[in-house]
Amino acid sequence: MVGRDLARDGVDLSEALHGLRTTFALVVGREPDFESTRSLGIAWSDETLGYLHEVSCENPLTGLATLAHIRGRLAEIQRGAESRGHVGDPTHALVVVDVPLLTGGDHEVRLGSALVMAQVASQVRLVFEGEESVGEASPSRLLVIAERTDNLGNRVSTLRDYLAEVTPPDSVVRIWIEGLPAGAAATSTLLDELART
């Protein structure tokens, strides 16, 4: 917790570790133990990575667009539709890819899940290789902003076949097409719901 607060306040890691050392010396009269140092470092780096993910349009590990970018892209599409008088007649939809992943908080599980999602994202990009935005709604759910065309259903079916090759045989990957609401507030609510796993 302290590591997160320090990172949020703009304290660099070296300064945070020095503060931990000073605090231990004053309070308990010794050097910080490994677990305290490790906890501070992990909390500090997690907060820093979270900040970088919000600032960047892409997750550096998976190459997927962030949820903030997906929100911005949908807002652009809706503004464009409104300017052309297409309110209530969405030209785009969301393709939702929900991948069951291992659960747990340790580093190996998180890294393994991220690698599975990178493989899934690669397959998604084989099917949606054009101007579609592919992003993360959550660590186990991808969103594709796709144009509503006559072959969208066929593309989703093809994606389902491709994903069967990169996901464990006993996992059930769910894929569906989610229609977009007409208003910005309703779209934001929809994204909030899809971001919950």
N, C-alpha and C. Protein backbone atom coordinates (compact mmCIF):
# COMPACT_ATOMS: atom_id res chain seq x y z
N MET A 1 0.82 -1.19 0.00
CA MET A 1 0.00 0.00 0.00
C MET A 1 0.86 1.25 0.00
N VAL A 2 1.90 1.26 0.84
CA VAL A 2 2.77 2.42 0.91
C VAL A 2 3.47 2.64 -0.43
N GLY A 3 3.92 1.55 -1.06
CA GLY A 3 4.58 1.66 -2.36
C GLY A 3 3.68 2.31 -3.40
N ARG A 4 2.40 1.94 -3.39
CA ARG A 4 1.45 2.54 -4.34
C ARG A 4 1.30 4.02 -4.06
N ASP A 5 1.16 4.38 -2.80
CA ASP A 5 1.01 5.80 -2.44
C ASP A 5 2.23 6.61 -2.85
N LEU A 6 3.40 6.06 -2.62
CA LEU A 6 4.63 6.77 -2.98
C LEU A 6 4.73 6.96 -4.50
N ALA A 7 4.42 5.92 -5.25
CA ALA A 7 4.45 6.03 -6.71
C ALA A 7 3.45 7.07 -7.19
N ARG A 8 2.24 7.05 -6.59
CA ARG A 8 1.21 8.03 -6.95
C ARG A 8 1.67 9.45 -6.68
N ASP A 9 2.49 9.62 -5.62
CA ASP A 9 2.99 10.95 -5.25
C ASP A 9 4.21 11.36 -6.07
N GLY A 10 4.67 10.49 -6.98
CA GLY A 10 5.79 10.83 -7.84
C GLY A 10 7.15 10.51 -7.25
N VAL A 11 7.19 9.74 -6.18
CA VAL A 11 8.46 9.36 -5.55
C VAL A 11 9.08 8.24 -6.37
N ASP A 12 10.38 8.40 -6.76
CA ASP A 12 11.01 7.33 -7.54
C ASP A 12 11.35 6.15 -6.63
N LEU A 13 11.67 5.01 -7.26
CA LEU A 13 11.89 3.78 -6.49
C LEU A 13 13.08 3.90 -5.55
N SER A 14 14.16 4.53 -5.99
CA SER A 14 15.33 4.67 -5.13
C SER A 14 14.99 5.45 -3.86
N GLU A 15 14.24 6.53 -4.03
CA GLU A 15 13.83 7.34 -2.87
C GLU A 15 12.88 6.56 -1.96
N ALA A 16 11.98 5.77 -2.57
CA ALA A 16 11.04 4.96 -1.77
C ALA A 16 11.79 3.93 -0.94
N LEU A 17 12.78 3.28 -1.54
CA LEU A 17 13.58 2.29 -0.81
C LEU A 17 14.42 2.94 0.29
N HIS A 18 14.96 4.12 0.01
CA HIS A 18 15.71 4.84 1.03
C HIS A 18 14.80 5.21 2.21
N GLY A 19 13.56 5.65 1.90
CA GLY A 19 12.60 5.97 2.96
C GLY A 19 12.26 4.75 3.80
N LEU A 20 12.13 3.59 3.15
CA LEU A 20 11.85 2.35 3.88
C LEU A 20 13.01 2.02 4.82
N ARG A 21 14.22 2.16 4.32
CA ARG A 21 15.40 1.88 5.14
C ARG A 21 15.47 2.82 6.35
N THR A 22 15.21 4.10 6.11
CA THR A 22 15.24 5.09 7.19
C THR A 22 14.16 4.80 8.23
N THR A 23 12.96 4.47 7.77
CA THR A 23 11.86 4.16 8.68
C THR A 23 12.18 2.95 9.54
N PHE A 24 12.70 1.88 8.93
CA PHE A 24 13.06 0.69 9.69
C PHE A 24 14.13 1.02 10.74
N ALA A 25 15.12 1.83 10.34
CA ALA A 25 16.20 2.18 11.28
C ALA A 25 15.65 2.94 12.47
N LEU A 26 14.71 3.86 12.23
CA LEU A 26 14.14 4.67 13.32
C LEU A 26 13.18 3.87 14.19
N VAL A 27 12.36 3.04 13.57
CA VAL A 27 11.29 2.37 14.31
C VAL A 27 11.76 1.08 14.97
N VAL A 28 12.48 0.23 14.24
CA VAL A 28 12.86 -1.07 14.80
C VAL A 28 14.37 -1.25 14.94
N GLY A 29 15.13 -0.26 14.52
CA GLY A 29 16.57 -0.29 14.72
C GLY A 29 17.33 -1.29 13.88
N ARG A 30 16.84 -1.61 12.69
CA ARG A 30 17.54 -2.55 11.82
C ARG A 30 17.21 -2.26 10.36
N GLU A 31 17.89 -2.99 9.48
CA GLU A 31 17.63 -2.89 8.04
C GLU A 31 16.27 -3.53 7.73
N PRO A 32 15.60 -3.07 6.66
CA PRO A 32 14.33 -3.71 6.29
C PRO A 32 14.55 -5.16 5.86
N ASP A 33 13.59 -6.03 6.19
CA ASP A 33 13.69 -7.43 5.78
C ASP A 33 13.32 -7.55 4.30
N PHE A 34 13.62 -8.72 3.75
CA PHE A 34 13.39 -8.96 2.33
C PHE A 34 11.92 -8.77 1.95
N GLU A 35 11.00 -9.35 2.73
CA GLU A 35 9.58 -9.29 2.39
C GLU A 35 9.06 -7.85 2.35
N SER A 36 9.50 -7.02 3.29
CA SER A 36 9.07 -5.62 3.30
C SER A 36 9.60 -4.88 2.08
N THR A 37 10.87 -5.13 1.75
CA THR A 37 11.47 -4.49 0.58
C THR A 37 10.78 -4.96 -0.70
N ARG A 38 10.54 -6.25 -0.78
CA ARG A 38 9.87 -6.82 -1.95
C ARG A 38 8.46 -6.27 -2.10
N SER A 39 7.71 -6.21 -1.02
CA SER A 39 6.33 -5.70 -1.06
C SER A 39 6.30 -4.25 -1.52
N LEU A 40 7.21 -3.44 -0.99
CA LEU A 40 7.27 -2.04 -1.41
C LEU A 40 7.57 -1.93 -2.90
N GLY A 41 8.56 -2.70 -3.35
CA GLY A 41 8.95 -2.66 -4.77
C GLY A 41 7.84 -3.10 -5.70
N ILE A 42 7.14 -4.17 -5.34
CA ILE A 42 6.04 -4.66 -6.18
C ILE A 42 4.90 -3.66 -6.21
N ALA A 43 4.51 -3.14 -5.06
CA ALA A 43 3.41 -2.17 -5.02
C ALA A 43 3.77 -0.92 -5.81
N TRP A 44 5.01 -0.45 -5.67
CA TRP A 44 5.46 0.74 -6.40
C TRP A 44 5.42 0.48 -7.91
N SER A 45 5.94 -0.68 -8.35
CA SER A 45 5.99 -0.96 -9.79
C SER A 45 4.60 -1.21 -10.37
N ASP A 46 3.73 -1.88 -9.61
CA ASP A 46 2.36 -2.10 -10.09
C ASP A 46 1.64 -0.77 -10.32
N GLU A 47 1.79 0.16 -9.39
CA GLU A 47 1.15 1.46 -9.54
C GLU A 47 1.74 2.22 -10.72
N THR A 48 3.05 2.15 -10.88
CA THR A 48 3.69 2.84 -12.00
C THR A 48 3.25 2.25 -13.33
N LEU A 49 3.19 0.91 -13.42
CA LEU A 49 2.72 0.28 -14.65
C LEU A 49 1.27 0.63 -14.95
N GLY A 50 0.44 0.66 -13.90
CA GLY A 50 -0.95 1.06 -14.08
C GLY A 50 -1.06 2.45 -14.66
N TYR A 51 -0.24 3.34 -14.17
CA TYR A 51 -0.24 4.72 -14.68
C TYR A 51 0.20 4.73 -16.15
N LEU A 52 1.26 3.99 -16.46
CA LEU A 52 1.74 3.96 -17.84
C LEU A 52 0.70 3.38 -18.78
N HIS A 53 -0.04 2.37 -18.32
CA HIS A 53 -1.09 1.78 -19.15
C HIS A 53 -2.20 2.79 -19.43
N GLU A 54 -2.49 3.66 -18.45
CA GLU A 54 -3.52 4.67 -18.66
C GLU A 54 -3.05 5.75 -19.61
N VAL A 55 -1.77 6.09 -19.56
CA VAL A 55 -1.23 7.14 -20.41
C VAL A 55 -1.07 6.65 -21.84
N SER A 56 -0.62 5.42 -21.99
CA SER A 56 -0.37 4.85 -23.30
C SER A 56 -1.68 4.35 -23.91
N CYS A 57 -1.69 4.28 -25.22
CA CYS A 57 -2.84 3.71 -25.92
C CYS A 57 -2.79 2.19 -25.94
N GLU A 58 -1.60 1.63 -25.64
CA GLU A 58 -1.44 0.18 -25.71
C GLU A 58 -0.81 -0.38 -24.45
N ASN A 59 -1.20 -1.61 -24.13
CA ASN A 59 -0.53 -2.37 -23.09
C ASN A 59 0.80 -2.84 -23.68
N PRO A 60 1.93 -2.51 -23.06
CA PRO A 60 3.21 -2.87 -23.66
C PRO A 60 3.46 -4.37 -23.76
N LEU A 61 2.84 -5.18 -22.92
CA LEU A 61 3.07 -6.63 -22.96
C LEU A 61 2.24 -7.30 -24.06
N THR A 62 0.98 -6.92 -24.20
CA THR A 62 0.11 -7.59 -25.16
C THR A 62 -0.03 -6.83 -26.47
N GLY A 63 0.28 -5.53 -26.48
CA GLY A 63 0.09 -4.72 -27.68
C GLY A 63 -1.36 -4.35 -27.93
N LEU A 64 -2.23 -4.62 -26.97
CA LEU A 64 -3.65 -4.32 -27.12
C LEU A 64 -3.95 -2.89 -26.69
N ALA A 65 -4.94 -2.30 -27.32
CA ALA A 65 -5.37 -0.96 -26.93
C ALA A 65 -5.94 -1.00 -25.51
N THR A 66 -5.76 0.10 -24.79
CA THR A 66 -6.30 0.19 -23.44
C THR A 66 -7.80 0.45 -23.51
N LEU A 67 -8.47 0.24 -22.39
CA LEU A 67 -9.90 0.51 -22.31
C LEU A 67 -10.17 1.99 -22.55
N ALA A 68 -9.27 2.86 -22.07
CA ALA A 68 -9.43 4.30 -22.29
C ALA A 68 -9.40 4.61 -23.78
N HIS A 69 -8.54 3.94 -24.52
CA HIS A 69 -8.49 4.16 -25.97
C HIS A 69 -9.77 3.66 -26.64
N ILE A 70 -10.26 2.51 -26.21
CA ILE A 70 -11.52 1.98 -26.76
C ILE A 70 -12.65 2.98 -26.52
N ARG A 71 -12.71 3.54 -25.32
CA ARG A 71 -13.74 4.55 -25.01
C ARG A 71 -13.63 5.74 -25.96
N GLY A 72 -12.42 6.23 -26.14
CA GLY A 72 -12.20 7.37 -27.02
C GLY A 72 -12.57 7.06 -28.46
N ARG A 73 -12.21 5.88 -28.92
CA ARG A 73 -12.53 5.49 -30.30
C ARG A 73 -14.03 5.38 -30.51
N LEU A 74 -14.74 4.81 -29.54
CA LEU A 74 -16.21 4.72 -29.67
C LEU A 74 -16.85 6.10 -29.65
N ALA A 75 -16.31 7.01 -28.85
CA ALA A 75 -16.84 8.37 -28.82
C ALA A 75 -16.66 9.04 -30.18
N GLU A 76 -15.52 8.81 -30.82
CA GLU A 76 -15.28 9.37 -32.17
C GLU A 76 -16.29 8.81 -33.17
N ILE A 77 -16.50 7.51 -33.12
CA ILE A 77 -17.45 6.87 -34.03
C ILE A 77 -18.84 7.43 -33.83
N GLN A 78 -19.25 7.59 -32.56
CA GLN A 78 -20.59 8.10 -32.29
C GLN A 78 -20.74 9.56 -32.73
N ARG A 79 -19.70 10.37 -32.51
CA ARG A 79 -19.77 11.76 -32.98
C ARG A 79 -19.88 11.81 -34.50
N GLY A 80 -19.14 10.94 -35.18
CA GLY A 80 -19.22 10.88 -36.64
C GLY A 80 -20.60 10.48 -37.12
N ALA A 81 -21.19 9.48 -36.44
CA ALA A 81 -22.54 9.03 -36.81
C ALA A 81 -23.55 10.15 -36.59
N GLU A 82 -23.43 10.88 -35.48
CA GLU A 82 -24.35 11.98 -35.19
C GLU A 82 -24.22 13.09 -36.24
N SER A 83 -23.01 13.38 -36.67
CA SER A 83 -22.82 14.45 -37.66
C SER A 83 -23.40 14.07 -39.02
N ARG A 84 -23.50 12.76 -39.28
CA ARG A 84 -24.09 12.30 -40.54
C ARG A 84 -25.58 11.98 -40.39
N GLY A 85 -26.12 12.21 -39.19
CA GLY A 85 -27.55 11.97 -38.96
C GLY A 85 -27.90 10.51 -38.77
N HIS A 86 -26.95 9.69 -38.32
CA HIS A 86 -27.19 8.26 -38.12
C HIS A 86 -27.43 7.90 -36.67
N VAL A 87 -27.97 8.79 -35.88
CA VAL A 87 -28.21 8.52 -34.47
C VAL A 87 -29.22 7.38 -34.34
N GLY A 88 -28.91 6.40 -33.51
CA GLY A 88 -29.81 5.26 -33.32
C GLY A 88 -29.62 4.18 -34.37
N ASP A 89 -28.75 4.41 -35.34
CA ASP A 89 -28.48 3.45 -36.40
C ASP A 89 -26.98 3.18 -36.41
N PRO A 90 -26.48 2.43 -35.40
CA PRO A 90 -25.03 2.26 -35.26
C PRO A 90 -24.40 1.55 -36.46
N THR A 91 -23.26 2.08 -36.88
CA THR A 91 -22.52 1.50 -37.99
C THR A 91 -21.49 0.49 -37.51
N HIS A 92 -21.27 0.45 -36.18
CA HIS A 92 -20.27 -0.44 -35.60
C HIS A 92 -20.87 -1.27 -34.47
N ALA A 93 -20.16 -2.32 -34.12
CA ALA A 93 -20.55 -3.17 -32.99
C ALA A 93 -19.28 -3.59 -32.28
N LEU A 94 -19.45 -4.16 -31.11
CA LEU A 94 -18.32 -4.72 -30.37
C LEU A 94 -18.33 -6.22 -30.50
N VAL A 95 -17.19 -6.78 -30.83
CA VAL A 95 -17.02 -8.23 -30.76
C VAL A 95 -16.32 -8.47 -29.43
N VAL A 96 -16.94 -9.26 -28.57
CA VAL A 96 -16.42 -9.51 -27.23
C VAL A 96 -15.83 -10.92 -27.20
N VAL A 97 -14.58 -11.02 -26.73
CA VAL A 97 -13.89 -12.30 -26.61
C VAL A 97 -13.55 -12.50 -25.14
N ASP A 98 -14.19 -13.47 -24.52
CA ASP A 98 -14.02 -13.73 -23.10
C ASP A 98 -13.25 -15.04 -22.94
N VAL A 99 -12.06 -14.94 -22.34
CA VAL A 99 -11.16 -16.09 -22.24
C VAL A 99 -11.01 -16.50 -20.78
N PRO A 100 -11.39 -17.72 -20.40
CA PRO A 100 -11.19 -18.15 -19.02
C PRO A 100 -9.69 -18.32 -18.77
N LEU A 101 -9.20 -17.66 -17.73
CA LEU A 101 -7.78 -17.71 -17.40
C LEU A 101 -7.58 -18.28 -16.02
N LEU A 102 -6.34 -18.67 -15.74
CA LEU A 102 -6.00 -19.12 -14.39
C LEU A 102 -6.18 -17.96 -13.44
N THR A 103 -6.61 -18.24 -12.25
CA THR A 103 -6.78 -17.18 -11.27
C THR A 103 -5.68 -17.26 -10.23
N GLY A 104 -5.41 -16.15 -9.61
CA GLY A 104 -4.38 -16.08 -8.60
C GLY A 104 -3.61 -14.79 -8.76
N GLY A 105 -2.96 -14.38 -7.71
CA GLY A 105 -2.30 -13.09 -7.75
C GLY A 105 -0.80 -13.16 -7.94
N ASP A 106 -0.21 -14.37 -8.00
CA ASP A 106 1.25 -14.38 -8.08
C ASP A 106 1.73 -14.03 -9.49
N HIS A 107 2.99 -13.67 -9.55
CA HIS A 107 3.58 -13.15 -10.78
C HIS A 107 3.50 -14.15 -11.94
N GLU A 108 3.77 -15.42 -11.67
CA GLU A 108 3.78 -16.42 -12.73
C GLU A 108 2.40 -16.58 -13.35
N VAL A 109 1.36 -16.56 -12.53
CA VAL A 109 -0.01 -16.70 -13.04
C VAL A 109 -0.37 -15.49 -13.89
N ARG A 110 -0.04 -14.29 -13.39
CA ARG A 110 -0.34 -13.07 -14.15
C ARG A 110 0.40 -13.06 -15.48
N LEU A 111 1.67 -13.45 -15.47
CA LEU A 111 2.46 -13.48 -16.69
C LEU A 111 1.91 -14.52 -17.66
N GLY A 112 1.57 -15.70 -17.15
CA GLY A 112 1.00 -16.74 -18.00
C GLY A 112 -0.31 -16.30 -18.63
N SER A 113 -1.15 -15.65 -17.85
CA SER A 113 -2.43 -15.15 -18.38
C SER A 113 -2.20 -14.08 -19.45
N ALA A 114 -1.24 -13.20 -19.21
CA ALA A 114 -0.92 -12.16 -20.19
C ALA A 114 -0.41 -12.77 -21.49
N LEU A 115 0.38 -13.84 -21.39
CA LEU A 115 0.89 -14.49 -22.59
C LEU A 115 -0.23 -15.18 -23.37
N VAL A 116 -1.17 -15.81 -22.66
CA VAL A 116 -2.34 -16.40 -23.33
C VAL A 116 -3.12 -15.31 -24.05
N MET A 117 -3.32 -14.18 -23.39
CA MET A 117 -4.07 -13.09 -24.01
C MET A 117 -3.32 -12.52 -25.22
N ALA A 118 -1.99 -12.51 -25.18
CA ALA A 118 -1.22 -12.05 -26.34
C ALA A 118 -1.43 -12.99 -27.52
N GLN A 119 -1.48 -14.31 -27.25
CA GLN A 119 -1.76 -15.27 -28.32
C GLN A 119 -3.17 -15.10 -28.86
N VAL A 120 -4.12 -14.90 -27.96
CA VAL A 120 -5.51 -14.67 -28.39
C VAL A 120 -5.58 -13.41 -29.23
N ALA A 121 -4.92 -12.35 -28.79
CA ALA A 121 -4.92 -11.08 -29.54
C ALA A 121 -4.34 -11.28 -30.93
N SER A 122 -3.30 -12.09 -31.03
CA SER A 122 -2.70 -12.37 -32.35
C SER A 122 -3.71 -13.02 -33.29
N GLN A 123 -4.49 -13.97 -32.77
CA GLN A 123 -5.51 -14.62 -33.58
C GLN A 123 -6.63 -13.65 -33.95
N VAL A 124 -6.99 -12.79 -33.00
CA VAL A 124 -8.04 -11.79 -33.27
C VAL A 124 -7.59 -10.89 -34.42
N ARG A 125 -6.32 -10.51 -34.42
CA ARG A 125 -5.81 -9.62 -35.46
C ARG A 125 -5.72 -10.30 -36.83
N LEU A 126 -5.62 -11.63 -36.84
CA LEU A 126 -5.66 -12.34 -38.12
C LEU A 126 -7.02 -12.18 -38.79
N VAL A 127 -8.06 -12.16 -37.96
CA VAL A 127 -9.42 -12.07 -38.49
C VAL A 127 -9.82 -10.60 -38.70
N PHE A 128 -9.45 -9.75 -37.76
CA PHE A 128 -9.78 -8.32 -37.84
C PHE A 128 -8.48 -7.56 -38.12
N GLU A 129 -8.02 -7.64 -39.37
CA GLU A 129 -6.72 -7.11 -39.73
C GLU A 129 -6.77 -5.70 -40.30
N GLY A 130 -7.95 -5.11 -40.38
CA GLY A 130 -8.08 -3.79 -40.98
C GLY A 130 -8.00 -2.67 -39.97
N GLU A 131 -8.95 -1.76 -40.05
CA GLU A 131 -8.97 -0.57 -39.20
C GLU A 131 -9.62 -0.80 -37.84
N GLU A 132 -10.00 -2.03 -37.55
CA GLU A 132 -10.67 -2.31 -36.28
C GLU A 132 -9.72 -2.05 -35.11
N SER A 133 -10.27 -1.53 -34.02
CA SER A 133 -9.51 -1.37 -32.78
C SER A 133 -9.70 -2.62 -31.94
N VAL A 134 -8.58 -3.19 -31.48
CA VAL A 134 -8.61 -4.38 -30.63
C VAL A 134 -8.03 -3.98 -29.28
N GLY A 135 -8.81 -4.16 -28.22
CA GLY A 135 -8.34 -3.70 -26.92
C GLY A 135 -8.78 -4.60 -25.78
N GLU A 136 -8.27 -4.28 -24.60
CA GLU A 136 -8.57 -5.03 -23.39
C GLU A 136 -9.69 -4.36 -22.61
N ALA A 137 -10.73 -5.12 -22.31
CA ALA A 137 -11.75 -4.63 -21.39
C ALA A 137 -11.35 -5.00 -19.97
N SER A 138 -10.66 -6.13 -19.84
CA SER A 138 -10.18 -6.63 -18.55
C SER A 138 -9.04 -7.59 -18.85
N PRO A 139 -8.38 -8.12 -17.82
CA PRO A 139 -7.28 -9.06 -18.10
C PRO A 139 -7.71 -10.32 -18.85
N SER A 140 -9.00 -10.64 -18.87
CA SER A 140 -9.44 -11.85 -19.56
C SER A 140 -10.49 -11.59 -20.64
N ARG A 141 -10.69 -10.33 -21.00
CA ARG A 141 -11.72 -10.02 -22.00
C ARG A 141 -11.20 -8.99 -23.00
N LEU A 142 -11.32 -9.33 -24.29
CA LEU A 142 -10.93 -8.44 -25.37
C LEU A 142 -12.17 -7.86 -26.04
N LEU A 143 -12.01 -6.68 -26.58
CA LEU A 143 -13.07 -6.04 -27.36
C LEU A 143 -12.52 -5.67 -28.73
N VAL A 144 -13.33 -5.84 -29.75
CA VAL A 144 -12.98 -5.41 -31.09
C VAL A 144 -14.08 -4.46 -31.54
N ILE A 145 -13.70 -3.25 -31.92
CA ILE A 145 -14.67 -2.33 -32.52
C ILE A 145 -14.68 -2.64 -34.00
N ALA A 146 -15.76 -3.25 -34.46
CA ALA A 146 -15.85 -3.71 -35.85
C ALA A 146 -17.03 -3.05 -36.55
N GLU A 147 -16.85 -2.80 -37.82
CA GLU A 147 -17.94 -2.24 -38.61
C GLU A 147 -19.00 -3.32 -38.80
N ARG A 148 -20.27 -2.88 -38.73
CA ARG A 148 -21.38 -3.81 -38.95
C ARG A 148 -21.50 -4.07 -40.44
N THR A 149 -21.09 -5.25 -40.85
CA THR A 149 -21.19 -5.64 -42.25
C THR A 149 -21.91 -6.97 -42.34
N ASP A 150 -22.24 -7.38 -43.55
CA ASP A 150 -22.94 -8.64 -43.74
C ASP A 150 -22.11 -9.85 -43.33
N ASN A 151 -20.77 -9.70 -43.36
CA ASN A 151 -19.92 -10.86 -43.03
C ASN A 151 -19.37 -10.83 -41.61
N LEU A 152 -19.88 -9.96 -40.75
CA LEU A 152 -19.37 -9.90 -39.38
C LEU A 152 -19.58 -11.23 -38.65
N GLY A 153 -20.73 -11.84 -38.82
CA GLY A 153 -20.99 -13.14 -38.19
C GLY A 153 -20.03 -14.22 -38.66
N ASN A 154 -19.70 -14.21 -39.96
CA ASN A 154 -18.75 -15.18 -40.49
C ASN A 154 -17.35 -14.95 -39.92
N ARG A 155 -16.97 -13.69 -39.73
CA ARG A 155 -15.66 -13.39 -39.17
C ARG A 155 -15.58 -13.89 -37.72
N VAL A 156 -16.66 -13.72 -36.97
CA VAL A 156 -16.68 -14.20 -35.59
C VAL A 156 -16.58 -15.72 -35.56
N SER A 157 -17.24 -16.39 -36.48
CA SER A 157 -17.16 -17.85 -36.55
C SER A 157 -15.73 -18.30 -36.88
N THR A 158 -15.09 -17.60 -37.80
CA THR A 158 -13.70 -17.90 -38.14
C THR A 158 -12.80 -17.69 -36.93
N LEU A 159 -13.02 -16.60 -36.20
CA LEU A 159 -12.24 -16.32 -35.00
C LEU A 159 -12.39 -17.44 -33.98
N ARG A 160 -13.60 -17.94 -33.82
CA ARG A 160 -13.85 -19.04 -32.87
C ARG A 160 -12.98 -20.25 -33.24
N ASP A 161 -12.89 -20.55 -34.54
CA ASP A 161 -12.06 -21.68 -34.99
C ASP A 161 -10.58 -21.42 -34.71
N TYR A 162 -10.12 -20.20 -34.97
CA TYR A 162 -8.71 -19.86 -34.74
C TYR A 162 -8.36 -19.96 -33.25
N LEU A 163 -9.26 -19.49 -32.40
CA LEU A 163 -8.98 -19.50 -30.97
C LEU A 163 -8.92 -20.90 -30.40
N ALA A 164 -9.62 -21.83 -31.01
CA ALA A 164 -9.57 -23.23 -30.56
C ALA A 164 -8.15 -23.77 -30.66
N GLU A 165 -7.33 -23.18 -31.55
CA GLU A 165 -5.95 -23.65 -31.74
C GLU A 165 -5.00 -23.15 -30.66
N VAL A 166 -5.32 -22.03 -29.98
CA VAL A 166 -4.37 -21.44 -29.04
C VAL A 166 -4.83 -21.45 -27.59
N THR A 167 -6.02 -21.97 -27.34
CA THR A 167 -6.51 -22.03 -25.96
C THR A 167 -6.59 -23.49 -25.52
N PRO A 168 -6.47 -23.74 -24.22
CA PRO A 168 -6.53 -25.13 -23.73
C PRO A 168 -7.84 -25.80 -24.14
N PRO A 169 -7.80 -27.11 -24.44
CA PRO A 169 -8.98 -27.81 -24.93
C PRO A 169 -10.16 -27.78 -23.96
N ASP A 170 -9.89 -27.72 -22.66
CA ASP A 170 -10.99 -27.74 -21.70
C ASP A 170 -11.54 -26.35 -21.38
N SER A 171 -10.94 -25.29 -21.95
CA SER A 171 -11.45 -23.95 -21.69
C SER A 171 -12.52 -23.58 -22.72
N VAL A 172 -13.51 -22.86 -22.25
CA VAL A 172 -14.61 -22.45 -23.13
C VAL A 172 -14.49 -20.94 -23.36
N VAL A 173 -14.01 -20.59 -24.55
CA VAL A 173 -13.89 -19.18 -24.92
C VAL A 173 -15.25 -18.73 -25.44
N ARG A 174 -15.76 -17.68 -24.84
CA ARG A 174 -17.05 -17.14 -25.29
C ARG A 174 -16.80 -15.95 -26.21
N ILE A 175 -17.49 -15.91 -27.33
CA ILE A 175 -17.38 -14.81 -28.28
C ILE A 175 -18.80 -14.41 -28.67
N TRP A 176 -19.05 -13.10 -28.63
CA TRP A 176 -20.36 -12.63 -29.06
C TRP A 176 -20.25 -11.22 -29.63
N ILE A 177 -21.29 -10.85 -30.36
CA ILE A 177 -21.39 -9.50 -30.93
C ILE A 177 -22.31 -8.69 -30.05
N GLU A 178 -21.81 -7.58 -29.58
CA GLU A 178 -22.57 -6.69 -28.69
C GLU A 178 -22.92 -5.43 -29.47
N GLY A 179 -24.22 -5.18 -29.61
CA GLY A 179 -24.65 -3.95 -30.28
C GLY A 179 -24.32 -2.72 -29.44
N LEU A 180 -24.08 -1.63 -30.11
CA LEU A 180 -23.75 -0.39 -29.41
C LEU A 180 -25.00 0.45 -29.19
N PRO A 181 -25.16 0.98 -28.00
CA PRO A 181 -26.28 1.89 -27.77
C PRO A 181 -26.05 3.21 -28.51
N ALA A 182 -27.11 3.98 -28.68
CA ALA A 182 -27.01 5.23 -29.45
C ALA A 182 -26.30 6.33 -28.68
N GLY A 183 -26.47 6.41 -27.38
CA GLY A 183 -25.93 7.52 -26.61
C GLY A 183 -24.58 7.25 -25.99
N ALA A 184 -23.82 8.32 -25.75
CA ALA A 184 -22.49 8.21 -25.16
C ALA A 184 -22.55 7.66 -23.73
N ALA A 185 -23.54 8.10 -22.95
CA ALA A 185 -23.65 7.64 -21.56
C ALA A 185 -23.96 6.14 -21.51
N ALA A 186 -24.85 5.70 -22.38
CA ALA A 186 -25.20 4.28 -22.41
C ALA A 186 -24.02 3.43 -22.89
N THR A 187 -23.25 3.97 -23.82
CA THR A 187 -22.05 3.26 -24.30
C THR A 187 -21.03 3.13 -23.18
N SER A 188 -20.85 4.20 -22.41
CA SER A 188 -19.93 4.17 -21.28
C SER A 188 -20.36 3.13 -20.25
N THR A 189 -21.65 3.06 -19.98
CA THR A 189 -22.18 2.06 -19.05
C THR A 189 -21.94 0.65 -19.56
N LEU A 190 -22.14 0.45 -20.85
CA LEU A 190 -21.89 -0.86 -21.47
C LEU A 190 -20.43 -1.26 -21.30
N LEU A 191 -19.51 -0.32 -21.56
CA LEU A 191 -18.08 -0.63 -21.40
C LEU A 191 -17.73 -0.95 -19.96
N ASP A 192 -18.36 -0.22 -19.02
CA ASP A 192 -18.12 -0.51 -17.60
C ASP A 192 -18.56 -1.94 -17.28
N GLU A 193 -19.70 -2.35 -17.80
CA GLU A 193 -20.19 -3.72 -17.56
C GLU A 193 -19.27 -4.76 -18.17
N LEU A 194 -18.79 -4.48 -19.39
CA LEU A 194 -17.91 -5.44 -20.07
C LEU A 194 -16.54 -5.52 -19.41
N ALA A 195 -16.15 -4.46 -18.70
CA ALA A 195 -14.85 -4.45 -18.02
C ALA A 195 -14.87 -5.27 -16.74
N ARG A 196 -16.07 -5.58 -16.24
CA ARG A 196 -16.16 -6.43 -15.04
C ARG A 196 -16.02 -7.88 -15.47
N THR A 197 -15.17 -8.63 -14.76
CA THR A 197 -14.99 -10.04 -15.14
C THR A 197 -15.66 -10.94 -14.13
